[in-house]
Amino acid sequence: MSDRSHVHHRLFVIGALLVGMGFSSAASAESVFVKYRGPVDLASFTCESIERSSLVKRLCYDAEQEYVIVNLTGTYYHYCEVPANVVADWRAAGSMGQFYNAAVKGRYDCRFLRMPA
């Protein structure tokens, strides 16, 4: 077996082991229930679990649609037409809860702004 074939064989075996252990290279489909909206598929979102906030537990953003799904102490809410720079500032904020209250809450209401299908 050539060196190149040997490397490919090892990679195949490692990949097979990871799949057998429940790991996959493809992202698994996830859907969350959003208050005032219902189920939302997160396939197009970039999500981040938040450990440093007592209010914001998870922040998901679909940059193409400018659509935010956020878990606030166990309940998912959505916000529409949120610019990428606002989400970047939110992620970088010293207090994610204070940023949410000052810069997001009440400003990106999906009842009045374009909501993705």
PDB file of N, CA and C in Angstrom:
ATOM      1  N   MET A   1       0.854  -1.174   0.000  1.00  0.00           N
ATOM      2  CA  MET A   1       0.000   0.000   0.000  1.00  0.00           C
ATOM      3  C   MET A   1       0.900   1.237   0.000  1.00  0.00           C
ATOM      4  N   SER A   2       0.657   2.174  -0.912  1.00  0.00           N
ATOM      5  CA  SER A   2       1.473   3.390  -0.979  1.00  0.00           C
ATOM      6  C   SER A   2       1.184   4.281   0.225  1.00  0.00           C
ATOM      7  N   ASP A   3       2.075   5.243   0.468  1.00  0.00           N
ATOM      8  CA  ASP A   3       1.880   6.168   1.592  1.00  0.00           C
ATOM      9  C   ASP A   3       0.563   6.922   1.463  1.00  0.00           C
ATOM     10  N   ARG A   4       0.254   7.360   0.248  1.00  0.00           N
ATOM     11  CA  ARG A   4      -0.981   8.111   0.008  1.00  0.00           C
ATOM     12  C   ARG A   4      -2.206   7.219   0.270  1.00  0.00           C
ATOM     13  N   SER A   5      -2.178   5.989  -0.200  1.00  0.00           N
ATOM     14  CA  SER A   5      -3.291   5.064   0.029  1.00  0.00           C
ATOM     15  C   SER A   5      -3.439   4.762   1.512  1.00  0.00           C
ATOM     16  N   HIS A   6      -2.311   4.634   2.203  1.00  0.00           N
ATOM     17  CA  HIS A   6      -2.330   4.361   3.629  1.00  0.00           C
ATOM     18  C   HIS A   6      -3.002   5.523   4.388  1.00  0.00           C
ATOM     19  N   VAL A   7      -2.675   6.759   4.015  1.00  0.00           N
ATOM     20  CA  VAL A   7      -3.278   7.937   4.654  1.00  0.00           C
ATOM     21  C   VAL A   7      -4.778   7.968   4.387  1.00  0.00           C
ATOM     22  N   HIS A   8      -5.191   7.735   3.148  1.00  0.00           N
ATOM     23  CA  HIS A   8      -6.620   7.728   2.804  1.00  0.00           C
ATOM     24  C   HIS A   8      -7.362   6.647   3.584  1.00  0.00           C
ATOM     25  N   HIS A   9      -6.726   5.473   3.725  1.00  0.00           N
ATOM     26  CA  HIS A   9      -7.344   4.381   4.477  1.00  0.00           C
ATOM     27  C   HIS A   9      -7.534   4.784   5.938  1.00  0.00           C
ATOM     28  N   ARG A  10      -6.516   5.396   6.529  1.00  0.00           N
ATOM     29  CA  ARG A  10      -6.616   5.838   7.928  1.00  0.00           C
ATOM     30  C   ARG A  10      -7.734   6.868   8.100  1.00  0.00           C
ATOM     31  N   LEU A  11      -7.809   7.833   7.168  1.00  0.00           N
ATOM     32  CA  LEU A  11      -8.866   8.846   7.248  1.00  0.00           C
ATOM     33  C   LEU A  11     -10.250   8.212   7.132  1.00  0.00           C
ATOM     34  N   PHE A  12     -10.385   7.214   6.257  1.00  0.00           N
ATOM     35  CA  PHE A  12     -11.660   6.520   6.105  1.00  0.00           C
ATOM     36  C   PHE A  12     -12.040   5.819   7.407  1.00  0.00           C
ATOM     37  N   VAL A  13     -11.079   5.142   8.012  1.00  0.00           N
ATOM     38  CA  VAL A  13     -11.346   4.422   9.257  1.00  0.00           C
ATOM     39  C   VAL A  13     -11.733   5.395  10.372  1.00  0.00           C
ATOM     40  N   ILE A  14     -11.007   6.500  10.489  1.00  0.00           N
ATOM     41  CA  ILE A  14     -11.327   7.512  11.504  1.00  0.00           C
ATOM     42  C   ILE A  14     -12.726   8.070  11.268  1.00  0.00           C
ATOM     43  N   GLY A  15     -13.050   8.393  10.020  1.00  0.00           N
ATOM     44  CA  GLY A  15     -14.386   8.897   9.690  1.00  0.00           C
ATOM     45  C   GLY A  15     -15.470   7.896  10.042  1.00  0.00           C
ATOM     46  N   ALA A  16     -15.235   6.625   9.741  1.00  0.00           N
ATOM     47  CA  ALA A  16     -16.217   5.588  10.053  1.00  0.00           C
ATOM     48  C   ALA A  16     -16.409   5.465  11.561  1.00  0.00           C
ATOM     49  N   LEU A  17     -15.320   5.571  12.312  1.00  0.00           N
ATOM     50  CA  LEU A  17     -15.431   5.517  13.777  1.00  0.00           C
ATOM     51  C   LEU A  17     -16.232   6.686  14.319  1.00  0.00           C
ATOM     52  N   LEU A  18     -15.979   7.888  13.801  1.00  0.00           N
ATOM     53  CA  LEU A  18     -16.713   9.067  14.270  1.00  0.00           C
ATOM     54  C   LEU A  18     -18.203   8.961  13.959  1.00  0.00           C
ATOM     55  N   VAL A  19     -18.538   8.511  12.763  1.00  0.00           N
ATOM     56  CA  VAL A  19     -19.946   8.328  12.406  1.00  0.00           C
ATOM     57  C   VAL A  19     -20.582   7.286  13.319  1.00  0.00           C
ATOM     58  N   GLY A  20     -19.859   6.205  13.579  1.00  0.00           N
ATOM     59  CA  GLY A  20     -20.366   5.166  14.474  1.00  0.00           C
ATOM     60  C   GLY A  20     -20.579   5.659  15.888  1.00  0.00           C
ATOM     61  N   MET A  21     -19.818   6.676  16.301  1.00  0.00           N
ATOM     62  CA  MET A  21     -19.961   7.241  17.635  1.00  0.00           C
ATOM     63  C   MET A  21     -21.020   8.339  17.683  1.00  0.00           C
ATOM     64  N   GLY A  22     -21.650   8.629  16.557  1.00  0.00           N
ATOM     65  CA  GLY A  22     -22.716   9.634  16.534  1.00  0.00           C
ATOM     66  C   GLY A  22     -22.285  10.986  16.026  1.00  0.00           C
ATOM     67  N   PHE A  23     -21.028  11.118  15.577  1.00  0.00           N
ATOM     68  CA  PHE A  23     -20.572  12.371  15.010  1.00  0.00           C
ATOM     69  C   PHE A  23     -20.794  12.320  13.509  1.00  0.00           C
ATOM     70  N   SER A  24     -21.111  13.462  12.934  1.00  0.00           N
ATOM     71  CA  SER A  24     -21.327  13.525  11.498  1.00  0.00           C
ATOM     72  C   SER A  24     -20.781  14.839  10.972  1.00  0.00           C
ATOM     73  N   SER A  25     -20.288  14.836   9.757  1.00  0.00           N
ATOM     74  CA  SER A  25     -19.799  16.071   9.173  1.00  0.00           C
ATOM     75  C   SER A  25     -20.946  16.965   8.733  1.00  0.00           C
ATOM     76  N   ALA A  26     -22.101  16.396   8.446  1.00  0.00           N
ATOM     77  CA  ALA A  26     -23.265  17.189   8.059  1.00  0.00           C
ATOM     78  C   ALA A  26     -23.956  17.704   9.308  1.00  0.00           C
ATOM     79  N   ALA A  27     -24.406  18.948   9.261  1.00  0.00           N
ATOM     80  CA  ALA A  27     -25.115  19.520  10.400  1.00  0.00           C
ATOM     81  C   ALA A  27     -26.468  18.835  10.539  1.00  0.00           C
ATOM     82  N   SER A  28     -26.802  18.495  11.763  1.00  0.00           N
ATOM     83  CA  SER A  28     -28.094  17.859  11.964  1.00  0.00           C
ATOM     84  C   SER A  28     -29.174  18.928  11.993  1.00  0.00           C
ATOM     85  N   ALA A  29     -30.340  18.573  11.505  1.00  0.00           N
ATOM     86  CA  ALA A  29     -31.451  19.519  11.464  1.00  0.00           C
ATOM     87  C   ALA A  29     -31.940  19.781  12.874  1.00  0.00           C
ATOM     88  N   GLU A  30     -32.193  21.048  13.143  1.00  0.00           N
ATOM     89  CA  GLU A  30     -32.718  21.427  14.447  1.00  0.00           C
ATOM     90  C   GLU A  30     -33.815  22.448  14.238  1.00  0.00           C
ATOM     91  N   SER A  31     -34.863  22.285  14.991  1.00  0.00           N
ATOM     92  CA  SER A  31     -35.975  23.218  14.949  1.00  0.00           C
ATOM     93  C   SER A  31     -36.284  23.623  16.382  1.00  0.00           C
ATOM     94  N   VAL A  32     -36.597  24.906  16.588  1.00  0.00           N
ATOM     95  CA  VAL A  32     -36.973  25.381  17.916  1.00  0.00           C
ATOM     96  C   VAL A  32     -38.342  26.037  17.828  1.00  0.00           C
ATOM     97  N   PHE A  33     -39.052  26.049  18.948  1.00  0.00           N
ATOM     98  CA  PHE A  33     -40.362  26.694  18.996  1.00  0.00           C
ATOM     99  C   PHE A  33     -40.164  28.134  19.443  1.00  0.00           C
ATOM    100  N   VAL A  34     -40.551  29.064  18.582  1.00  0.00           N
ATOM    101  CA  VAL A  34     -40.378  30.487  18.837  1.00  0.00           C
ATOM    102  C   VAL A  34     -41.725  31.090  19.243  1.00  0.00           C
ATOM    103  N   LYS A  35     -41.724  31.774  20.383  1.00  0.00           N
ATOM    104  CA  LYS A  35     -42.947  32.419  20.877  1.00  0.00           C
ATOM    105  C   LYS A  35     -43.444  33.415  19.834  1.00  0.00           C
ATOM    106  N   TYR A  36     -44.733  33.414  19.586  1.00  0.00           N
ATOM    107  CA  TYR A  36     -45.416  34.282  18.606  1.00  0.00           C
ATOM    108  C   TYR A  36     -45.152  33.874  17.158  1.00  0.00           C
ATOM    109  N   ARG A  37     -44.430  32.772  16.929  1.00  0.00           N
ATOM    110  CA  ARG A  37     -44.166  32.335  15.558  1.00  0.00           C
ATOM    111  C   ARG A  37     -44.440  30.860  15.360  1.00  0.00           C
ATOM    112  N   GLY A  38     -43.964  30.011  16.269  1.00  0.00           N
ATOM    113  CA  GLY A  38     -44.076  28.568  16.122  1.00  0.00           C
ATOM    114  C   GLY A  38     -42.723  27.979  15.788  1.00  0.00           C
ATOM    115  N   PRO A  39     -42.704  26.779  15.182  1.00  0.00           N
ATOM    116  CA  PRO A  39     -41.429  26.110  14.899  1.00  0.00           C
ATOM    117  C   PRO A  39     -40.613  26.850  13.832  1.00  0.00           C
ATOM    118  N   VAL A  40     -39.314  26.959  14.063  1.00  0.00           N
ATOM    119  CA  VAL A  40     -38.386  27.569  13.097  1.00  0.00           C
ATOM    120  C   VAL A  40     -37.204  26.621  12.934  1.00  0.00           C
ATOM    121  N   ASP A  41     -36.898  26.284  11.681  1.00  0.00           N
ATOM    122  CA  ASP A  41     -35.754  25.439  11.346  1.00  0.00           C
ATOM    123  C   ASP A  41     -34.489  26.295  11.413  1.00  0.00           C
ATOM    124  N   LEU A  42     -33.506  25.842  12.157  1.00  0.00           N
ATOM    125  CA  LEU A  42     -32.279  26.613  12.349  1.00  0.00           C
ATOM    126  C   LEU A  42     -31.181  26.273  11.340  1.00  0.00           C
ATOM    127  N   ALA A  43     -31.505  25.556  10.285  1.00  0.00           N
ATOM    128  CA  ALA A  43     -30.482  25.126   9.323  1.00  0.00           C
ATOM    129  C   ALA A  43     -29.702  26.297   8.728  1.00  0.00           C
ATOM    130  N   SER A  44     -30.342  27.436   8.505  1.00  0.00           N
ATOM    131  CA  SER A  44     -29.668  28.570   7.868  1.00  0.00           C
ATOM    132  C   SER A  44     -29.048  29.534   8.886  1.00  0.00           C
ATOM    133  N   PHE A  45     -29.144  29.228  10.164  1.00  0.00           N
ATOM    134  CA  PHE A  45     -28.658  30.117  11.215  1.00  0.00           C
ATOM    135  C   PHE A  45     -27.265  29.716  11.704  1.00  0.00           C
ATOM    136  N   THR A  46     -26.550  30.699  12.188  1.00  0.00           N
ATOM    137  CA  THR A  46     -25.334  30.465  12.957  1.00  0.00           C
ATOM    138  C   THR A  46     -25.721  30.694  14.403  1.00  0.00           C
ATOM    139  N   CYS A  47     -25.583  29.651  15.219  1.00  0.00           N
ATOM    140  CA  CYS A  47     -26.023  29.723  16.612  1.00  0.00           C
ATOM    141  C   CYS A  47     -24.835  29.636  17.564  1.00  0.00           C
ATOM    142  N   GLU A  48     -24.999  30.314  18.688  1.00  0.00           N
ATOM    143  CA  GLU A  48     -23.972  30.326  19.720  1.00  0.00           C
ATOM    144  C   GLU A  48     -24.651  30.167  21.073  1.00  0.00           C
ATOM    145  N   SER A  49     -24.220  29.177  21.836  1.00  0.00           N
ATOM    146  CA  SER A  49     -24.698  29.028  23.211  1.00  0.00           C
ATOM    147  C   SER A  49     -23.964  30.042  24.070  1.00  0.00           C
ATOM    148  N   ILE A  50     -24.694  30.676  24.973  1.00  0.00           N
ATOM    149  CA  ILE A  50     -24.136  31.736  25.803  1.00  0.00           C
ATOM    150  C   ILE A  50     -24.092  31.268  27.250  1.00  0.00           C
ATOM    151  N   GLU A  51     -22.911  31.300  27.836  1.00  0.00           N
ATOM    152  CA  GLU A  51     -22.727  30.885  29.224  1.00  0.00           C
ATOM    153  C   GLU A  51     -22.606  32.086  30.162  1.00  0.00           C
ATOM    154  N   ARG A  52     -22.241  33.238  29.636  1.00  0.00           N
ATOM    155  CA  ARG A  52     -21.877  34.376  30.479  1.00  0.00           C
ATOM    156  C   ARG A  52     -23.024  35.334  30.780  1.00  0.00           C
ATOM    157  N   SER A  53     -24.237  34.994  30.364  1.00  0.00           N
ATOM    158  CA  SER A  53     -25.383  35.880  30.567  1.00  0.00           C
ATOM    159  C   SER A  53     -26.468  35.171  31.360  1.00  0.00           C
ATOM    160  N   SER A  54     -27.084  35.888  32.269  1.00  0.00           N
ATOM    161  CA  SER A  54     -28.204  35.300  33.015  1.00  0.00           C
ATOM    162  C   SER A  54     -29.506  35.406  32.221  1.00  0.00           C
ATOM    163  N   LEU A  55     -29.548  36.254  31.189  1.00  0.00           N
ATOM    164  CA  LEU A  55     -30.750  36.424  30.372  1.00  0.00           C
ATOM    165  C   LEU A  55     -30.633  35.705  29.028  1.00  0.00           C
ATOM    166  N   VAL A  56     -29.578  35.989  28.293  1.00  0.00           N
ATOM    167  CA  VAL A  56     -29.390  35.443  26.940  1.00  0.00           C
ATOM    168  C   VAL A  56     -28.696  34.091  27.047  1.00  0.00           C
ATOM    169  N   LYS A  57     -29.398  33.039  26.644  1.00  0.00           N
ATOM    170  CA  LYS A  57     -28.857  31.681  26.745  1.00  0.00           C
ATOM    171  C   LYS A  57     -28.344  31.147  25.410  1.00  0.00           C
ATOM    172  N   ARG A  58     -28.911  31.644  24.311  1.00  0.00           N
ATOM    173  CA  ARG A  58     -28.492  31.201  22.978  1.00  0.00           C
ATOM    174  C   ARG A  58     -28.854  32.292  21.990  1.00  0.00           C
ATOM    175  N   LEU A  59     -27.968  32.541  21.044  1.00  0.00           N
ATOM    176  CA  LEU A  59     -28.185  33.570  20.038  1.00  0.00           C
ATOM    177  C   LEU A  59     -27.949  32.960  18.668  1.00  0.00           C
ATOM    178  N   CYS A  60     -28.966  32.999  17.813  1.00  0.00           N
ATOM    179  CA  CYS A  60     -28.887  32.437  16.462  1.00  0.00           C
ATOM    180  C   CYS A  60     -29.167  33.547  15.459  1.00  0.00           C
ATOM    181  N   TYR A  61     -28.386  33.583  14.380  1.00  0.00           N
ATOM    182  CA  TYR A  61     -28.539  34.652  13.397  1.00  0.00           C
ATOM    183  C   TYR A  61     -28.449  34.100  11.993  1.00  0.00           C
ATOM    184  N   ASP A  62     -29.411  34.487  11.163  1.00  0.00           N
ATOM    185  CA  ASP A  62     -29.406  34.204   9.738  1.00  0.00           C
ATOM    186  C   ASP A  62     -29.046  35.524   9.059  1.00  0.00           C
ATOM    187  N   ALA A  63     -27.783  35.667   8.666  1.00  0.00           N
ATOM    188  CA  ALA A  63     -27.288  36.931   8.118  1.00  0.00           C
ATOM    189  C   ALA A  63     -27.978  37.314   6.818  1.00  0.00           C
ATOM    190  N   GLU A  64     -28.268  36.321   5.985  1.00  0.00           N
ATOM    191  CA  GLU A  64     -28.909  36.617   4.697  1.00  0.00           C
ATOM    192  C   GLU A  64     -30.296  37.219   4.900  1.00  0.00           C
ATOM    193  N   GLN A  65     -31.030  36.707   5.855  1.00  0.00           N
ATOM    194  CA  GLN A  65     -32.396  37.186   6.116  1.00  0.00           C
ATOM    195  C   GLN A  65     -32.438  38.280   7.198  1.00  0.00           C
ATOM    196  N   GLU A  66     -31.296  38.550   7.837  1.00  0.00           N
ATOM    197  CA  GLU A  66     -31.216  39.491   8.962  1.00  0.00           C
ATOM    198  C   GLU A  66     -32.246  39.131  10.038  1.00  0.00           C
ATOM    199  N   TYR A  67     -32.240  37.850  10.397  1.00  0.00           N
ATOM    200  CA  TYR A  67     -33.261  37.293  11.282  1.00  0.00           C
ATOM    201  C   TYR A  67     -32.588  36.688  12.508  1.00  0.00           C
ATOM    202  N   VAL A  68     -33.005  37.119  13.686  1.00  0.00           N
ATOM    203  CA  VAL A  68     -32.440  36.651  14.949  1.00  0.00           C
ATOM    204  C   VAL A  68     -33.441  35.783  15.679  1.00  0.00           C
ATOM    205  N   ILE A  69     -32.951  34.658  16.189  1.00  0.00           N
ATOM    206  CA  ILE A  69     -33.695  33.823  17.131  1.00  0.00           C
ATOM    207  C   ILE A  69     -32.854  33.825  18.399  1.00  0.00           C
ATOM    208  N   VAL A  70     -33.461  34.198  19.522  1.00  0.00           N
ATOM    209  CA  VAL A  70     -32.710  34.289  20.770  1.00  0.00           C
ATOM    210  C   VAL A  70     -33.457  33.561  21.878  1.00  0.00           C
ATOM    211  N   ASN A  71     -32.711  32.802  22.669  1.00  0.00           N
ATOM    212  CA  ASN A  71     -33.284  32.123  23.827  1.00  0.00           C
ATOM    213  C   ASN A  71     -33.028  33.010  25.041  1.00  0.00           C
ATOM    214  N   LEU A  72     -34.123  33.500  25.603  1.00  0.00           N
ATOM    215  CA  LEU A  72     -34.051  34.321  26.804  1.00  0.00           C
ATOM    216  C   LEU A  72     -34.604  33.503  27.956  1.00  0.00           C
ATOM    217  N   THR A  73     -33.734  33.070  28.826  1.00  0.00           N
ATOM    218  CA  THR A  73     -34.064  32.240  29.997  1.00  0.00           C
ATOM    219  C   THR A  73     -35.069  31.125  29.681  1.00  0.00           C
ATOM    220  N   GLY A  74     -34.820  30.427  28.579  1.00  0.00           N
ATOM    221  CA  GLY A  74     -35.601  29.239  28.258  1.00  0.00           C
ATOM    222  C   GLY A  74     -36.682  29.407  27.206  1.00  0.00           C
ATOM    223  N   THR A  75     -36.988  30.625  26.813  1.00  0.00           N
ATOM    224  CA  THR A  75     -38.009  30.878  25.794  1.00  0.00           C
ATOM    225  C   THR A  75     -37.346  31.518  24.580  1.00  0.00           C
ATOM    226  N   TYR A  76     -37.655  30.988  23.380  1.00  0.00           N
ATOM    227  CA  TYR A  76     -37.120  31.548  22.144  1.00  0.00           C
ATOM    228  C   TYR A  76     -38.029  32.663  21.634  1.00  0.00           C
ATOM    229  N   TYR A  77     -37.393  33.770  21.236  1.00  0.00           N
ATOM    230  CA  TYR A  77     -38.073  34.916  20.625  1.00  0.00           C
ATOM    231  C   TYR A  77     -37.378  35.206  19.300  1.00  0.00           C
ATOM    232  N   HIS A  78     -38.053  35.988  18.437  1.00  0.00           N
ATOM    233  CA  HIS A  78     -37.439  36.326  17.157  1.00  0.00           C
ATOM    234  C   HIS A  78     -37.486  37.828  16.917  1.00  0.00           C
ATOM    235  N   TYR A  79     -36.513  38.280  16.122  1.00  0.00           N
ATOM    236  CA  TYR A  79     -36.403  39.687  15.773  1.00  0.00           C
ATOM    237  C   TYR A  79     -36.028  39.791  14.305  1.00  0.00           C
ATOM    238  N   CYS A  80     -36.657  40.738  13.610  1.00  0.00           N
ATOM    239  CA  CYS A  80     -36.536  40.842  12.159  1.00  0.00           C
ATOM    240  C   CYS A  80     -35.756  42.081  11.731  1.00  0.00           C
ATOM    241  N   GLU A  81     -35.119  41.956  10.568  1.00  0.00           N
ATOM    242  CA  GLU A  81     -34.334  43.028   9.959  1.00  0.00           C
ATOM    243  C   GLU A  81     -33.275  43.577  10.920  1.00  0.00           C
ATOM    244  N   VAL A  82     -32.584  42.661  11.591  1.00  0.00           N
ATOM    245  CA  VAL A  82     -31.525  43.042  12.515  1.00  0.00           C
ATOM    246  C   VAL A  82     -30.208  43.064  11.733  1.00  0.00           C
ATOM    247  N   PRO A  83     -29.573  44.230  11.614  1.00  0.00           N
ATOM    248  CA  PRO A  83     -28.315  44.311  10.860  1.00  0.00           C
ATOM    249  C   PRO A  83     -27.204  43.488  11.511  1.00  0.00           C
ATOM    250  N   ALA A  84     -26.293  43.009  10.689  1.00  0.00           N
ATOM    251  CA  ALA A  84     -25.186  42.177  11.171  1.00  0.00           C
ATOM    252  C   ALA A  84     -24.339  42.902  12.212  1.00  0.00           C
ATOM    253  N   ASN A  85     -24.151  44.216  12.054  1.00  0.00           N
ATOM    254  CA  ASN A  85     -23.327  44.949  13.021  1.00  0.00           C
ATOM    255  C   ASN A  85     -23.979  44.986  14.400  1.00  0.00           C
ATOM    256  N   VAL A  86     -25.310  44.992  14.467  1.00  0.00           N
ATOM    257  CA  VAL A  86     -26.005  44.960  15.752  1.00  0.00           C
ATOM    258  C   VAL A  86     -25.770  43.608  16.432  1.00  0.00           C
ATOM    259  N   VAL A  87     -25.852  42.529  15.662  1.00  0.00           N
ATOM    260  CA  VAL A  87     -25.620  41.192  16.218  1.00  0.00           C
ATOM    261  C   VAL A  87     -24.163  41.057  16.674  1.00  0.00           C
ATOM    262  N   ALA A  88     -23.222  41.578  15.900  1.00  0.00           N
ATOM    263  CA  ALA A  88     -21.805  41.529  16.291  1.00  0.00           C
ATOM    264  C   ALA A  88     -21.580  42.301  17.588  1.00  0.00           C
ATOM    265  N   ASP A  89     -22.194  43.477  17.694  1.00  0.00           N
ATOM    266  CA  ASP A  89     -22.065  44.270  18.921  1.00  0.00           C
ATOM    267  C   ASP A  89     -22.708  43.553  20.103  1.00  0.00           C
ATOM    268  N   TRP A  90     -23.825  42.885  19.849  1.00  0.00           N
ATOM    269  CA  TRP A  90     -24.518  42.137  20.900  1.00  0.00           C
ATOM    270  C   TRP A  90     -23.629  41.006  21.413  1.00  0.00           C
ATOM    271  N   ARG A  91     -23.040  40.268  20.489  1.00  0.00           N
ATOM    272  CA  ARG A  91     -22.158  39.156  20.875  1.00  0.00           C
ATOM    273  C   ARG A  91     -20.940  39.644  21.653  1.00  0.00           C
ATOM    274  N   ALA A  92     -20.476  40.849  21.359  1.00  0.00           N
ATOM    275  CA  ALA A  92     -19.279  41.388  22.000  1.00  0.00           C
ATOM    276  C   ALA A  92     -19.583  42.197  23.261  1.00  0.00           C
ATOM    277  N   ALA A  93     -20.840  42.432  23.542  1.00  0.00           N
ATOM    278  CA  ALA A  93     -21.223  43.304  24.658  1.00  0.00           C
ATOM    279  C   ALA A  93     -20.755  42.753  25.999  1.00  0.00           C
ATOM    280  N   GLY A  94     -20.359  43.649  26.884  1.00  0.00           N
ATOM    281  CA  GLY A  94     -19.973  43.256  28.230  1.00  0.00           C
ATOM    282  C   GLY A  94     -21.125  42.600  28.967  1.00  0.00           C
ATOM    283  N   SER A  95     -22.324  43.145  28.769  1.00  0.00           N
ATOM    284  CA  SER A  95     -23.547  42.551  29.318  1.00  0.00           C
ATOM    285  C   SER A  95     -24.515  42.327  28.169  1.00  0.00           C
ATOM    286  N   MET A  96     -24.726  41.069  27.816  1.00  0.00           N
ATOM    287  CA  MET A  96     -25.618  40.757  26.701  1.00  0.00           C
ATOM    288  C   MET A  96     -27.070  41.107  27.031  1.00  0.00           C
ATOM    289  N   GLY A  97     -27.449  40.970  28.294  1.00  0.00           N
ATOM    290  CA  GLY A  97     -28.797  41.325  28.717  1.00  0.00           C
ATOM    291  C   GLY A  97     -29.049  42.820  28.632  1.00  0.00           C
ATOM    292  N   GLN A  98     -28.099  43.614  29.085  1.00  0.00           N
ATOM    293  CA  GLN A  98     -28.241  45.070  28.998  1.00  0.00           C
ATOM    294  C   GLN A  98     -28.276  45.521  27.548  1.00  0.00           C
ATOM    295  N   PHE A  99     -27.432  44.909  26.705  1.00  0.00           N
ATOM    296  CA  PHE A  99     -27.440  45.251  25.283  1.00  0.00           C
ATOM    297  C   PHE A  99     -28.795  44.914  24.676  1.00  0.00           C
ATOM    298  N   TYR A 100     -29.324  43.737  24.985  1.00  0.00           N
ATOM    299  CA  TYR A 100     -30.634  43.332  24.483  1.00  0.00           C
ATOM    300  C   TYR A 100     -31.699  44.370  24.861  1.00  0.00           C
ATOM    301  N   ASN A 101     -31.737  44.742  26.126  1.00  0.00           N
ATOM    302  CA  ASN A 101     -32.752  45.685  26.598  1.00  0.00           C
ATOM    303  C   ASN A 101     -32.596  47.066  25.973  1.00  0.00           C
ATOM    304  N   ALA A 102     -31.372  47.502  25.735  1.00  0.00           N
ATOM    305  CA  ALA A 102     -31.128  48.839  25.203  1.00  0.00           C
ATOM    306  C   ALA A 102     -31.186  48.933  23.683  1.00  0.00           C
ATOM    307  N   ALA A 103     -30.764  47.876  22.985  1.00  0.00           N
ATOM    308  CA  ALA A 103     -30.577  47.994  21.538  1.00  0.00           C
ATOM    309  C   ALA A 103     -31.417  47.049  20.684  1.00  0.00           C
ATOM    310  N   VAL A 104     -32.060  46.042  21.274  1.00  0.00           N
ATOM    311  CA  VAL A 104     -32.801  45.060  20.468  1.00  0.00           C
ATOM    312  C   VAL A 104     -34.288  45.057  20.823  1.00  0.00           C
ATOM    313  N   LYS A 105     -34.592  44.877  22.070  1.00  0.00           N
ATOM    314  CA  LYS A 105     -35.983  44.778  22.535  1.00  0.00           C
ATOM    315  C   LYS A 105     -36.777  46.008  22.094  1.00  0.00           C
ATOM    316  N   GLY A 106     -37.882  45.750  21.424  1.00  0.00           N
ATOM    317  CA  GLY A 106     -38.758  46.828  20.972  1.00  0.00           C
ATOM    318  C   GLY A 106     -38.344  47.514  19.684  1.00  0.00           C
ATOM    319  N   ARG A 107     -37.198  47.145  19.123  1.00  0.00           N
ATOM    320  CA  ARG A 107     -36.706  47.828  17.917  1.00  0.00           C
ATOM    321  C   ARG A 107     -36.837  47.006  16.632  1.00  0.00           C
ATOM    322  N   TYR A 108     -36.895  45.704  16.739  1.00  0.00           N
ATOM    323  CA  TYR A 108     -36.887  44.841  15.550  1.00  0.00           C
ATOM    324  C   TYR A 108     -38.087  43.903  15.575  1.00  0.00           C
ATOM    325  N   ASP A 109     -39.241  44.465  15.837  1.00  0.00           N
ATOM    326  CA  ASP A 109     -40.487  43.715  16.012  1.00  0.00           C
ATOM    327  C   ASP A 109     -40.948  43.110  14.685  1.00  0.00           C
ATOM    328  N   CYS A 110     -41.042  41.799  14.654  1.00  0.00           N
ATOM    329  CA  CYS A 110     -41.441  41.091  13.428  1.00  0.00           C
ATOM    330  C   CYS A 110     -42.893  41.352  13.038  1.00  0.00           C
ATOM    331  N   ARG A 111     -43.696  41.911  13.924  1.00  0.00           N
ATOM    332  CA  ARG A 111     -45.077  42.251  13.557  1.00  0.00           C
ATOM    333  C   ARG A 111     -45.102  43.406  12.572  1.00  0.00           C
ATOM    334  N   PHE A 112     -44.056  44.225  12.570  1.00  0.00           N
ATOM    335  CA  PHE A 112     -44.034  45.420  11.730  1.00  0.00           C
ATOM    336  C   PHE A 112     -42.937  45.389  10.661  1.00  0.00           C
ATOM    337  N   LEU A 113     -41.991  44.492  10.785  1.00  0.00           N
ATOM    338  CA  LEU A 113     -40.881  44.399   9.837  1.00  0.00           C
ATOM    339  C   LEU A 113     -40.992  43.105   9.038  1.00  0.00           C
ATOM    340  N   ARG A 114     -40.198  43.010   7.965  1.00  0.00           N
ATOM    341  CA  ARG A 114     -40.222  41.831   7.086  1.00  0.00           C
ATOM    342  C   ARG A 114     -39.742  40.593   7.843  1.00  0.00           C
ATOM    343  N   MET A 115     -40.617  39.598   7.898  1.00  0.00           N
ATOM    344  CA  MET A 115     -40.281  38.331   8.547  1.00  0.00           C
ATOM    345  C   MET A 115     -40.036  37.283   7.467  1.00  0.00           C
ATOM    346  N   PRO A 116     -38.943  36.533   7.556  1.00  0.00           N
ATOM    347  CA  PRO A 116     -38.679  35.482   6.564  1.00  0.00           C
ATOM    348  C   PRO A 116     -39.777  34.428   6.554  1.00  0.00           C
ATOM    349  N   ALA A 117     -39.969  33.829   5.407  1.00  0.00           N
ATOM    350  CA  ALA A 117     -41.018  32.798   5.253  1.00  0.00           C
ATOM    351  C   ALA A 117     -40.735  31.577   6.076  1.00  0.00           C
TER     352      ALA A 117
END
